[in-house]
Amino acid sequence: MKHIRPIAYRTRDERHQIYFLNTLEPKNEQLYTAEFKSGILLLLCAYEHRYDRFSDVTSLFTEDYLFELSHFLTNFFPSRMARRSG
């Protein structure tokens, strides 16, 4: 996951959002957000600069890739997610 660069973290209620760059994508398509609840990936979204919004892209990836990505991202901010989950 060398191409994934987490840049921000946010918690709302019991949900955690991690914003990251996917450096394999063109510059204007690199921003993504992953939303978690209790350590489970609920939603993966890519930023659409033309429409100024995030769109769900979860179904475009394999379960194996989503599992790897989830594991990588949740380990990047483990203390914050654990502290907020309980």
PDB file of N, CA and C in Angstrom:
ATOM      1  N   MET A   1       0.816  -1.199   0.000  1.00  0.00           N
ATOM      2  CA  MET A   1       0.000   0.000   0.000  1.00  0.00           C
ATOM      3  C   MET A   1       0.864   1.269   0.000  1.00  0.00           C
ATOM      4  N   LYS A   2       1.962   1.217  -0.702  1.00  0.00           N
ATOM      5  CA  LYS A   2       2.850   2.377  -0.782  1.00  0.00           C
ATOM      6  C   LYS A   2       2.192   3.552  -1.499  1.00  0.00           C
ATOM      7  N   HIS A   3       1.167   3.260  -2.293  1.00  0.00           N
ATOM      8  CA  HIS A   3       0.497   4.300  -3.061  1.00  0.00           C
ATOM      9  C   HIS A   3      -0.604   5.018  -2.270  1.00  0.00           C
ATOM     10  N   ILE A   4      -0.868   4.564  -1.055  1.00  0.00           N
ATOM     11  CA  ILE A   4      -1.909   5.174  -0.212  1.00  0.00           C
ATOM     12  C   ILE A   4      -1.255   6.075   0.829  1.00  0.00           C
ATOM     13  N   ARG A   5      -1.684   7.337   0.872  1.00  0.00           N
ATOM     14  CA  ARG A   5      -1.118   8.307   1.819  1.00  0.00           C
ATOM     15  C   ARG A   5      -2.237   8.972   2.615  1.00  0.00           C
ATOM     16  N   PRO A   6      -2.500   8.484   3.837  1.00  0.00           N
ATOM     17  CA  PRO A   6      -3.517   9.124   4.686  1.00  0.00           C
ATOM     18  C   PRO A   6      -3.135  10.574   4.974  1.00  0.00           C
ATOM     19  N   ILE A   7      -4.132  11.457   4.919  1.00  0.00           N
ATOM     20  CA  ILE A   7      -3.856  12.881   5.130  1.00  0.00           C
ATOM     21  C   ILE A   7      -4.719  13.512   6.209  1.00  0.00           C
ATOM     22  N   ALA A   8      -5.860  12.915   6.547  1.00  0.00           N
ATOM     23  CA  ALA A   8      -6.732  13.513   7.557  1.00  0.00           C
ATOM     24  C   ALA A   8      -7.638  12.447   8.161  1.00  0.00           C
ATOM     25  N   TYR A   9      -8.148  12.770   9.344  1.00  0.00           N
ATOM     26  CA  TYR A   9      -8.980  11.849  10.103  1.00  0.00           C
ATOM     27  C   TYR A   9     -10.103  12.653  10.749  1.00  0.00           C
ATOM     28  N   ARG A  10     -11.314  12.094  10.732  1.00  0.00           N
ATOM     29  CA  ARG A  10     -12.445  12.788  11.341  1.00  0.00           C
ATOM     30  C   ARG A  10     -13.404  11.771  11.943  1.00  0.00           C
ATOM     31  N   THR A  11     -13.995  12.119  13.077  1.00  0.00           N
ATOM     32  CA  THR A  11     -14.983  11.255  13.718  1.00  0.00           C
ATOM     33  C   THR A  11     -16.298  12.012  13.840  1.00  0.00           C
ATOM     34  N   ARG A  12     -17.372  11.326  13.450  1.00  0.00           N
ATOM     35  CA  ARG A  12     -18.736  11.848  13.606  1.00  0.00           C
ATOM     36  C   ARG A  12     -19.560  10.741  14.215  1.00  0.00           C
ATOM     37  N   ASP A  13     -20.145  11.007  15.361  1.00  0.00           N
ATOM     38  CA  ASP A  13     -20.898   9.994  16.094  1.00  0.00           C
ATOM     39  C   ASP A  13     -20.001   8.766  16.283  1.00  0.00           C
ATOM     40  N   GLU A  14     -20.406   7.614  15.803  1.00  0.00           N
ATOM     41  CA  GLU A  14     -19.607   6.394  15.934  1.00  0.00           C
ATOM     42  C   GLU A  14     -18.877   6.058  14.636  1.00  0.00           C
ATOM     43  N   ARG A  15     -18.901   6.953  13.696  1.00  0.00           N
ATOM     44  CA  ARG A  15     -18.264   6.712  12.399  1.00  0.00           C
ATOM     45  C   ARG A  15     -16.949   7.468  12.297  1.00  0.00           C
ATOM     46  N   HIS A  16     -15.998   6.824  11.663  1.00  0.00           N
ATOM     47  CA  HIS A  16     -14.671   7.409  11.472  1.00  0.00           C
ATOM     48  C   HIS A  16     -14.421   7.552   9.983  1.00  0.00           C
ATOM     49  N   GLN A  17     -13.930   8.708   9.578  1.00  0.00           N
ATOM     50  CA  GLN A  17     -13.571   8.922   8.177  1.00  0.00           C
ATOM     51  C   GLN A  17     -12.083   9.179   8.090  1.00  0.00           C
ATOM     52  N   ILE A  18     -11.455   8.488   7.157  1.00  0.00           N
ATOM     53  CA  ILE A  18     -10.043   8.710   6.877  1.00  0.00           C
ATOM     54  C   ILE A  18      -9.938   9.192   5.439  1.00  0.00           C
ATOM     55  N   TYR A  19      -9.342  10.367   5.279  1.00  0.00           N
ATOM     56  CA  TYR A  19      -9.106  10.924   3.955  1.00  0.00           C
ATOM     57  C   TYR A  19      -7.692  10.547   3.537  1.00  0.00           C
ATOM     58  N   PHE A  20      -7.542  10.139   2.285  1.00  0.00           N
ATOM     59  CA  PHE A  20      -6.216   9.724   1.818  1.00  0.00           C
ATOM     60  C   PHE A  20      -6.058  10.000   0.339  1.00  0.00           C
ATOM     61  N   LEU A  21      -4.794   9.999  -0.090  1.00  0.00           N
ATOM     62  CA  LEU A  21      -4.465  10.140  -1.501  1.00  0.00           C
ATOM     63  C   LEU A  21      -4.069   8.782  -2.046  1.00  0.00           C
ATOM     64  N   ASN A  22      -4.552   8.471  -3.228  1.00  0.00           N
ATOM     65  CA  ASN A  22      -4.146   7.266  -3.952  1.00  0.00           C
ATOM     66  C   ASN A  22      -3.242   7.759  -5.076  1.00  0.00           C
ATOM     67  N   THR A  23      -1.935   7.637  -4.869  1.00  0.00           N
ATOM     68  CA  THR A  23      -0.971   8.232  -5.805  1.00  0.00           C
ATOM     69  C   THR A  23      -0.876   7.500  -7.138  1.00  0.00           C
ATOM     70  N   LEU A  24      -1.583   6.392  -7.298  1.00  0.00           N
ATOM     71  CA  LEU A  24      -1.621   5.709  -8.595  1.00  0.00           C
ATOM     72  C   LEU A  24      -2.579   6.404  -9.572  1.00  0.00           C
ATOM     73  N   GLU A  25      -3.440   7.240  -9.027  1.00  0.00           N
ATOM     74  CA  GLU A  25      -4.427   7.952  -9.849  1.00  0.00           C
ATOM     75  C   GLU A  25      -3.838   9.268 -10.355  1.00  0.00           C
ATOM     76  N   PRO A  26      -4.420   9.844 -11.419  1.00  0.00           N
ATOM     77  CA  PRO A  26      -3.989  11.174 -11.870  1.00  0.00           C
ATOM     78  C   PRO A  26      -4.176  12.191 -10.736  1.00  0.00           C
ATOM     79  N   LYS A  27      -3.367  13.238 -10.731  1.00  0.00           N
ATOM     80  CA  LYS A  27      -3.373  14.226  -9.637  1.00  0.00           C
ATOM     81  C   LYS A  27      -4.777  14.700  -9.252  1.00  0.00           C
ATOM     82  N   ASN A  28      -5.614  15.006 -10.219  1.00  0.00           N
ATOM     83  CA  ASN A  28      -6.935  15.555  -9.903  1.00  0.00           C
ATOM     84  C   ASN A  28      -7.956  14.495  -9.495  1.00  0.00           C
ATOM     85  N   GLU A  29      -7.526  13.223  -9.385  1.00  0.00           N
ATOM     86  CA  GLU A  29      -8.433  12.142  -8.992  1.00  0.00           C
ATOM     87  C   GLU A  29      -7.882  11.323  -7.823  1.00  0.00           C
ATOM     88  N   GLN A  30      -6.958  11.880  -7.065  1.00  0.00           N
ATOM     89  CA  GLN A  30      -6.286  11.126  -6.008  1.00  0.00           C
ATOM     90  C   GLN A  30      -7.003  11.124  -4.663  1.00  0.00           C
ATOM     91  N   LEU A  31      -7.894  12.061  -4.407  1.00  0.00           N
ATOM     92  CA  LEU A  31      -8.498  12.195  -3.086  1.00  0.00           C
ATOM     93  C   LEU A  31      -9.635  11.194  -2.875  1.00  0.00           C
ATOM     94  N   TYR A  32      -9.521  10.431  -1.791  1.00  0.00           N
ATOM     95  CA  TYR A  32     -10.524   9.433  -1.410  1.00  0.00           C
ATOM     96  C   TYR A  32     -10.866   9.610   0.059  1.00  0.00           C
ATOM     97  N   THR A  33     -12.006   9.055   0.452  1.00  0.00           N
ATOM     98  CA  THR A  33     -12.357   8.946   1.859  1.00  0.00           C
ATOM     99  C   THR A  33     -12.908   7.543   2.107  1.00  0.00           C
ATOM    100  N   ALA A  34     -12.530   6.996   3.253  1.00  0.00           N
ATOM    101  CA  ALA A  34     -13.035   5.688   3.668  1.00  0.00           C
ATOM    102  C   ALA A  34     -13.776   5.899   4.978  1.00  0.00           C
ATOM    103  N   GLU A  35     -14.976   5.366   5.062  1.00  0.00           N
ATOM    104  CA  GLU A  35     -15.788   5.528   6.271  1.00  0.00           C
ATOM    105  C   GLU A  35     -15.901   4.192   6.982  1.00  0.00           C
ATOM    106  N   PHE A  36     -15.625   4.212   8.288  1.00  0.00           N
ATOM    107  CA  PHE A  36     -15.617   3.009   9.119  1.00  0.00           C
ATOM    108  C   PHE A  36     -16.574   3.157  10.287  1.00  0.00           C
ATOM    109  N   LYS A  37     -17.112   2.032  10.717  1.00  0.00           N
ATOM    110  CA  LYS A  37     -17.856   1.959  11.976  1.00  0.00           C
ATOM    111  C   LYS A  37     -17.440   0.662  12.640  1.00  0.00           C
ATOM    112  N   SER A  38     -16.959   0.751  13.871  1.00  0.00           N
ATOM    113  CA  SER A  38     -16.461  -0.411  14.621  1.00  0.00           C
ATOM    114  C   SER A  38     -15.383  -1.161  13.836  1.00  0.00           C
ATOM    115  N   GLY A  39     -14.552  -0.425  13.131  1.00  0.00           N
ATOM    116  CA  GLY A  39     -13.448  -1.015  12.384  1.00  0.00           C
ATOM    117  C   GLY A  39     -13.830  -1.663  11.066  1.00  0.00           C
ATOM    118  N   ILE A  40     -15.091  -1.567  10.672  1.00  0.00           N
ATOM    119  CA  ILE A  40     -15.571  -2.176   9.427  1.00  0.00           C
ATOM    120  C   ILE A  40     -15.754  -1.087   8.377  1.00  0.00           C
ATOM    121  N   LEU A  41     -15.202  -1.323   7.199  1.00  0.00           N
ATOM    122  CA  LEU A  41     -15.338  -0.365   6.102  1.00  0.00           C
ATOM    123  C   LEU A  41     -16.779  -0.356   5.612  1.00  0.00           C
ATOM    124  N   LEU A  42     -17.400   0.813   5.677  1.00  0.00           N
ATOM    125  CA  LEU A  42     -18.776   0.957   5.213  1.00  0.00           C
ATOM    126  C   LEU A  42     -18.851   1.514   3.805  1.00  0.00           C
ATOM    127  N   LEU A  43     -17.915   2.421   3.499  1.00  0.00           N
ATOM    128  CA  LEU A  43     -18.018   3.172   2.258  1.00  0.00           C
ATOM    129  C   LEU A  43     -16.646   3.657   1.823  1.00  0.00           C
ATOM    130  N   LEU A  44     -16.377   3.543   0.547  1.00  0.00           N
ATOM    131  CA  LEU A  44     -15.160   4.086  -0.044  1.00  0.00           C
ATOM    132  C   LEU A  44     -15.605   5.050  -1.136  1.00  0.00           C
ATOM    133  N   CYS A  45     -15.161   6.295  -1.028  1.00  0.00           N
ATOM    134  CA  CYS A  45     -15.597   7.318  -1.978  1.00  0.00           C
ATOM    135  C   CYS A  45     -14.403   8.034  -2.593  1.00  0.00           C
ATOM    136  N   ALA A  46     -14.557   8.409  -3.851  1.00  0.00           N
ATOM    137  CA  ALA A  46     -13.547   9.186  -4.572  1.00  0.00           C
ATOM    138  C   ALA A  46     -14.104  10.586  -4.801  1.00  0.00           C
ATOM    139  N   TYR A  47     -13.220  11.575  -4.712  1.00  0.00           N
ATOM    140  CA  TYR A  47     -13.643  12.958  -4.928  1.00  0.00           C
ATOM    141  C   TYR A  47     -13.737  13.246  -6.416  1.00  0.00           C
ATOM    142  N   GLU A  48     -14.860  13.819  -6.827  1.00  0.00           N
ATOM    143  CA  GLU A  48     -15.072  14.228  -8.217  1.00  0.00           C
ATOM    144  C   GLU A  48     -14.938  15.741  -8.288  1.00  0.00           C
ATOM    145  N   HIS A  49     -13.792  16.196  -8.790  1.00  0.00           N
ATOM    146  CA  HIS A  49     -13.539  17.634  -8.809  1.00  0.00           C
ATOM    147  C   HIS A  49     -14.498  18.396  -9.722  1.00  0.00           C
ATOM    148  N   ARG A  50     -14.990  17.750 -10.766  1.00  0.00           N
ATOM    149  CA  ARG A  50     -15.918  18.430 -11.682  1.00  0.00           C
ATOM    150  C   ARG A  50     -17.237  18.778 -11.014  1.00  0.00           C
ATOM    151  N   TYR A  51     -17.646  17.950 -10.037  1.00  0.00           N
ATOM    152  CA  TYR A  51     -18.931  18.146  -9.369  1.00  0.00           C
ATOM    153  C   TYR A  51     -18.784  18.581  -7.914  1.00  0.00           C
ATOM    154  N   ASP A  52     -17.541  18.689  -7.440  1.00  0.00           N
ATOM    155  CA  ASP A  52     -17.258  19.109  -6.070  1.00  0.00           C
ATOM    156  C   ASP A  52     -17.977  18.233  -5.043  1.00  0.00           C
ATOM    157  N   ARG A  53     -17.829  16.908  -5.191  1.00  0.00           N
ATOM    158  CA  ARG A  53     -18.467  15.973  -4.259  1.00  0.00           C
ATOM    159  C   ARG A  53     -17.714  14.657  -4.248  1.00  0.00           C
ATOM    160  N   PHE A  54     -17.989  13.858  -3.224  1.00  0.00           N
ATOM    161  CA  PHE A  54     -17.465  12.499  -3.146  1.00  0.00           C
ATOM    162  C   PHE A  54     -18.531  11.543  -3.663  1.00  0.00           C
ATOM    163  N   SER A  55     -18.106  10.524  -4.420  1.00  0.00           N
ATOM    164  CA  SER A  55     -19.027   9.512  -4.946  1.00  0.00           C
ATOM    165  C   SER A  55     -18.567   8.128  -4.528  1.00  0.00           C
ATOM    166  N   ASP A  56     -19.532   7.279  -4.236  1.00  0.00           N
ATOM    167  CA  ASP A  56     -19.256   5.914  -3.793  1.00  0.00           C
ATOM    168  C   ASP A  56     -18.590   5.108  -4.908  1.00  0.00           C
ATOM    169  N   VAL A  57     -17.430   4.531  -4.600  1.00  0.00           N
ATOM    170  CA  VAL A  57     -16.718   3.684  -5.561  1.00  0.00           C
ATOM    171  C   VAL A  57     -16.421   2.302  -4.971  1.00  0.00           C
ATOM    172  N   THR A  58     -17.048   1.981  -3.852  1.00  0.00           N
ATOM    173  CA  THR A  58     -16.779   0.721  -3.147  1.00  0.00           C
ATOM    174  C   THR A  58     -16.917  -0.483  -4.072  1.00  0.00           C
ATOM    175  N   SER A  59     -17.956  -0.502  -4.876  1.00  0.00           N
ATOM    176  CA  SER A  59     -18.229  -1.673  -5.718  1.00  0.00           C
ATOM    177  C   SER A  59     -17.226  -1.843  -6.860  1.00  0.00           C
ATOM    178  N   LEU A  60     -16.367  -0.866  -7.091  1.00  0.00           N
ATOM    179  CA  LEU A  60     -15.381  -0.969  -8.170  1.00  0.00           C
ATOM    180  C   LEU A  60     -14.140  -1.774  -7.781  1.00  0.00           C
ATOM    181  N   PHE A  61     -14.016  -2.108  -6.491  1.00  0.00           N
ATOM    182  CA  PHE A  61     -12.826  -2.802  -5.993  1.00  0.00           C
ATOM    183  C   PHE A  61     -13.171  -4.191  -5.512  1.00  0.00           C
ATOM    184  N   THR A  62     -12.179  -5.077  -5.553  1.00  0.00           N
ATOM    185  CA  THR A  62     -12.385  -6.444  -5.084  1.00  0.00           C
ATOM    186  C   THR A  62     -12.460  -6.466  -3.564  1.00  0.00           C
ATOM    187  N   GLU A  63     -13.059  -7.513  -3.029  1.00  0.00           N
ATOM    188  CA  GLU A  63     -13.131  -7.672  -1.570  1.00  0.00           C
ATOM    189  C   GLU A  63     -11.735  -7.765  -0.966  1.00  0.00           C
ATOM    190  N   ASP A  64     -10.828  -8.437  -1.667  1.00  0.00           N
ATOM    191  CA  ASP A  64      -9.453  -8.559  -1.162  1.00  0.00           C
ATOM    192  C   ASP A  64      -8.778  -7.195  -1.058  1.00  0.00           C
ATOM    193  N   TYR A  65      -8.930  -6.363  -2.074  1.00  0.00           N
ATOM    194  CA  TYR A  65      -8.324  -5.032  -2.037  1.00  0.00           C
ATOM    195  C   TYR A  65      -8.944  -4.197  -0.922  1.00  0.00           C
ATOM    196  N   LEU A  66     -10.264  -4.245  -0.778  1.00  0.00           N
ATOM    197  CA  LEU A  66     -10.935  -3.482   0.272  1.00  0.00           C
ATOM    198  C   LEU A  66     -10.486  -3.941   1.657  1.00  0.00           C
ATOM    199  N   PHE A  67     -10.289  -5.244   1.828  1.00  0.00           N
ATOM    200  CA  PHE A  67      -9.794  -5.766   3.101  1.00  0.00           C
ATOM    201  C   PHE A  67      -8.392  -5.232   3.393  1.00  0.00           C
ATOM    202  N   GLU A  68      -7.511  -5.290   2.402  1.00  0.00           N
ATOM    203  CA  GLU A  68      -6.141  -4.768   2.576  1.00  0.00           C
ATOM    204  C   GLU A  68      -6.153  -3.272   2.892  1.00  0.00           C
ATOM    205  N   LEU A  69      -6.952  -2.534   2.171  1.00  0.00           N
ATOM    206  CA  LEU A  69      -7.043  -1.096   2.385  1.00  0.00           C
ATOM    207  C   LEU A  69      -7.567  -0.793   3.788  1.00  0.00           C
ATOM    208  N   SER A  70      -8.609  -1.499   4.199  1.00  0.00           N
ATOM    209  CA  SER A  70      -9.172  -1.313   5.545  1.00  0.00           C
ATOM    210  C   SER A  70      -8.130  -1.571   6.611  1.00  0.00           C
ATOM    211  N   HIS A  71      -7.432  -2.665   6.458  1.00  0.00           N
ATOM    212  CA  HIS A  71      -6.401  -3.033   7.429  1.00  0.00           C
ATOM    213  C   HIS A  71      -5.313  -1.957   7.490  1.00  0.00           C
ATOM    214  N   PHE A  72      -4.868  -1.505   6.347  1.00  0.00           N
ATOM    215  CA  PHE A  72      -3.837  -0.479   6.295  1.00  0.00           C
ATOM    216  C   PHE A  72      -4.306   0.820   6.956  1.00  0.00           C
ATOM    217  N   LEU A  73      -5.491   1.278   6.592  1.00  0.00           N
ATOM    218  CA  LEU A  73      -5.987   2.555   7.112  1.00  0.00           C
ATOM    219  C   LEU A  73      -6.304   2.498   8.601  1.00  0.00           C
ATOM    220  N   THR A  74      -6.918   1.416   9.060  1.00  0.00           N
ATOM    221  CA  THR A  74      -7.248   1.331  10.486  1.00  0.00           C
ATOM    222  C   THR A  74      -5.994   1.188  11.334  1.00  0.00           C
ATOM    223  N   ASN A  75      -4.935   0.632  10.781  1.00  0.00           N
ATOM    224  CA  ASN A  75      -3.672   0.556  11.517  1.00  0.00           C
ATOM    225  C   ASN A  75      -2.911   1.873  11.478  1.00  0.00           C
ATOM    226  N   PHE A  76      -3.265   2.731  10.562  1.00  0.00           N
ATOM    227  CA  PHE A  76      -2.602   4.023  10.480  1.00  0.00           C
ATOM    228  C   PHE A  76      -3.029   4.940  11.627  1.00  0.00           C
ATOM    229  N   PHE A  77      -4.302   4.844  12.020  1.00  0.00           N
ATOM    230  CA  PHE A  77      -4.836   5.648  13.119  1.00  0.00           C
ATOM    231  C   PHE A  77      -5.429   4.758  14.215  1.00  0.00           C
ATOM    232  N   PRO A  78      -4.741   3.710  14.660  1.00  0.00           N
ATOM    233  CA  PRO A  78      -5.366   2.743  15.573  1.00  0.00           C
ATOM    234  C   PRO A  78      -5.783   3.322  16.920  1.00  0.00           C
ATOM    235  N   SER A  79      -4.969   4.165  17.523  1.00  0.00           N
ATOM    236  CA  SER A  79      -5.297   4.662  18.853  1.00  0.00           C
ATOM    237  C   SER A  79      -6.531   5.560  18.830  1.00  0.00           C
ATOM    238  N   ARG A  80      -6.654   6.383  17.814  1.00  0.00           N
ATOM    239  CA  ARG A  80      -7.820   7.265  17.721  1.00  0.00           C
ATOM    240  C   ARG A  80      -9.100   6.472  17.515  1.00  0.00           C
ATOM    241  N   MET A  81      -9.051   5.464  16.634  1.00  0.00           N
ATOM    242  CA  MET A  81     -10.266   4.693  16.370  1.00  0.00           C
ATOM    243  C   MET A  81     -10.654   3.874  17.586  1.00  0.00           C
ATOM    244  N   ALA A  82      -9.706   3.292  18.288  1.00  0.00           N
ATOM    245  CA  ALA A  82     -10.004   2.508  19.479  1.00  0.00           C
ATOM    246  C   ALA A  82     -10.582   3.390  20.575  1.00  0.00           C
ATOM    247  N   ARG A  83     -10.032   4.576  20.756  1.00  0.00           N
ATOM    248  CA  ARG A  83     -10.472   5.484  21.798  1.00  0.00           C
ATOM    249  C   ARG A  83     -11.904   5.934  21.543  1.00  0.00           C
ATOM    250  N   ARG A  84     -12.279   6.152  20.291  1.00  0.00           N
ATOM    251  CA  ARG A  84     -13.608   6.660  19.957  1.00  0.00           C
ATOM    252  C   ARG A  84     -14.666   5.554  19.878  1.00  0.00           C
ATOM    253  N   SER A  85     -14.230   4.312  19.654  1.00  0.00           N
ATOM    254  CA  SER A  85     -15.175   3.218  19.430  1.00  0.00           C
ATOM    255  C   SER A  85     -15.852   2.749  20.704  1.00  0.00           C
ATOM    256  N   GLY A  86     -15.171   2.831  21.820  1.00  0.00           N
ATOM    257  CA  GLY A  86     -15.688   2.240  23.040  1.00  0.00           C
ATOM    258  C   GLY A  86     -16.563   3.073  23.790  1.00  0.00           C
TER     259      GLY A  86
END
